[in-house]
Amino acid sequence: MNTEKDKKIVNRKANVQIHFSDFDLPPMQDVLLIGKRAAIGPEAVRRMVNALAPGQYEIIPVENDQIEAMAVKSSLFNWISRDTLVNTILEEGIKLTSDKSLVKAKLEITISIYKEVDV
C-alpha cells in the first residue's frame, strides 16, 4: 500500500552540448579508413568522392584483417611521401578501428626546416 512516506521526488536533467560546423563535401576529412565489413565499401567510397570531389582523393587498398582500404586526400602526398603517410595512418588507425568501422581522420602535418646558409 502506498503512503505519503513512500513517495520519492525524482529530478532528472539532461545536459546537451552541440557543436556546429560547416558541412564538408565530401562528408569526410583528410582520410577515411574503411573496415572490411563496413556499411559501405571502397567502391562506394570511390563513387562518392569522384562525384563530390573529383580528383581530390585516392582510394588505397590495404592488406589487413580489419581495414580493407583507405581514402586519402591526394594533396597530402605533396607534404610527405606516400609510403610514410600510408604506413603511419595504418599503424595508428588499426588501434582505433574494427572490421565494421568507417573512421574519418583529420591530419595536421607540420614540416620544420633548419638550414644553414653562407652569409
Protein backbone atom coordinates (compact mmCIF):
# COMPACT_ATOMS: atom_id res chain seq x y z
CA MET A 1 0.00 0.00 0.00
CA ASN A 2 1.40 3.40 -0.99
CA THR A 3 1.59 6.05 1.64
CA GLU A 4 2.85 9.60 1.56
CA LYS A 5 6.14 8.39 3.06
CA ASP A 6 6.75 6.02 0.13
CA LYS A 7 6.63 8.79 -2.49
CA LYS A 8 10.02 10.00 -3.66
CA ILE A 9 10.77 13.15 -5.52
CA VAL A 10 12.90 12.43 -8.60
CA ASN A 11 14.52 15.18 -10.61
CA ARG A 12 16.05 14.34 -13.95
CA LYS A 13 18.14 16.64 -16.03
CA ALA A 14 19.96 16.28 -19.29
CA ASN A 15 22.93 18.28 -20.49
CA VAL A 16 23.05 18.86 -24.21
CA GLN A 17 26.19 20.00 -25.97
CA ILE A 18 26.03 20.81 -29.67
CA HIS A 19 28.93 21.61 -31.98
CA PHE A 20 28.06 23.15 -35.31
CA SER A 21 30.47 23.31 -38.23
CA ASP A 22 30.37 23.72 -41.98
CA PHE A 23 29.31 20.68 -43.95
CA ASP A 24 32.21 19.30 -45.94
CA LEU A 25 31.95 17.80 -49.38
CA PRO A 26 32.66 15.00 -49.46
CA PRO A 27 31.47 14.34 -45.89
CA MET A 28 34.89 13.18 -44.77
CA GLN A 29 38.14 14.82 -43.84
CA ASP A 30 41.68 14.04 -44.92
CA VAL A 31 41.46 10.27 -44.52
CA LEU A 32 38.67 7.70 -44.37
CA LEU A 33 39.51 4.20 -43.08
CA ILE A 34 37.14 1.58 -44.49
CA GLY A 35 36.71 -1.62 -42.47
CA LYS A 36 36.35 -4.97 -44.23
CA ARG A 37 32.72 -5.25 -43.08
CA ALA A 38 31.83 -1.53 -43.02
CA ALA A 39 28.39 -0.35 -44.13
CA ILE A 40 29.91 0.93 -47.39
CA GLY A 41 32.90 -0.47 -49.21
CA PRO A 42 35.81 1.04 -51.12
CA GLU A 43 33.94 1.14 -54.44
CA ALA A 44 31.02 3.08 -52.94
CA VAL A 45 33.51 5.50 -51.34
CA ARG A 46 35.27 5.87 -54.71
CA ARG A 47 31.98 6.77 -56.42
CA MET A 48 31.09 9.22 -53.64
CA VAL A 49 34.39 11.10 -53.72
CA ASN A 50 34.51 11.09 -57.52
CA ALA A 51 31.02 12.59 -57.63
CA LEU A 52 31.55 15.17 -54.88
CA ALA A 53 35.28 15.96 -55.10
CA PRO A 54 36.67 14.62 -58.37
CA GLY A 55 40.41 14.00 -58.35
CA GLN A 56 40.89 15.04 -54.73
CA TYR A 57 41.09 11.61 -53.06
CA GLU A 58 42.90 8.37 -53.77
CA ILE A 59 41.45 5.02 -52.71
CA ILE A 60 44.26 2.78 -51.46
CA PRO A 61 43.64 -0.95 -50.93
CA VAL A 62 45.08 -2.28 -47.66
CA GLU A 63 46.29 -5.75 -46.72
CA ASN A 64 44.96 -6.03 -43.17
CA ASP A 65 42.49 -8.13 -41.14
CA GLN A 66 40.42 -5.09 -40.14
CA ILE A 67 40.89 -2.41 -42.78
CA GLU A 68 40.06 -3.05 -46.43
CA ALA A 69 41.03 0.34 -47.85
CA MET A 70 41.59 3.98 -47.10
CA ALA A 71 40.66 7.13 -48.96
CA VAL A 72 43.40 9.74 -48.67
CA LYS A 73 43.31 13.36 -49.81
CA SER A 74 45.81 13.37 -52.68
CA SER A 75 47.29 16.75 -51.78
CA LEU A 76 48.75 15.25 -48.58
CA PHE A 77 51.26 13.34 -50.71
CA ASN A 78 52.82 16.71 -51.62
CA TRP A 79 53.80 17.13 -47.97
CA ILE A 80 55.01 13.65 -47.04
CA SER A 81 55.90 10.54 -49.03
CA ARG A 82 53.06 8.20 -49.91
CA ASP A 83 54.57 5.16 -48.15
CA THR A 84 55.39 7.07 -44.97
CA LEU A 85 51.93 8.61 -44.77
CA VAL A 86 50.02 5.40 -45.52
CA ASN A 87 52.10 3.35 -43.08
CA THR A 88 51.70 5.95 -40.31
CA ILE A 89 47.93 6.15 -40.81
CA LEU A 90 47.65 2.35 -40.73
CA GLU A 91 49.88 1.96 -37.70
CA GLU A 92 47.70 4.29 -35.65
CA GLY A 93 44.35 3.60 -37.33
CA ILE A 94 44.46 -0.12 -36.67
CA LYS A 95 44.46 0.64 -32.94
CA LEU A 96 41.16 2.56 -33.22
CA THR A 97 39.12 0.58 -35.72
CA SER A 98 37.30 -2.69 -36.15
CA ASP A 99 36.34 -4.55 -39.31
CA LYS A 100 32.94 -2.76 -39.23
CA SER A 101 34.41 0.71 -38.81
CA LEU A 102 34.20 3.68 -41.11
CA VAL A 103 36.55 6.18 -39.46
CA LYS A 104 37.43 9.65 -40.69
CA ALA A 105 40.64 11.35 -39.68
CA LYS A 106 41.92 14.90 -39.84
CA LEU A 107 45.66 15.17 -40.41
CA GLU A 108 47.78 18.08 -39.39
CA ILE A 109 51.21 17.96 -40.96
CA THR A 110 53.86 20.43 -39.90
CA ILE A 111 57.25 20.49 -41.54
CA SER A 112 60.16 22.07 -39.69
CA ILE A 113 63.22 23.14 -41.63
CA TYR A 114 66.54 24.22 -40.28
CA LYS A 115 69.07 25.25 -42.87
CA GLU A 116 72.47 26.92 -42.62
CA VAL A 117 73.41 29.29 -45.37
CA ASP A 118 76.58 31.21 -46.11
CA VAL A 119 76.34 34.95 -45.47
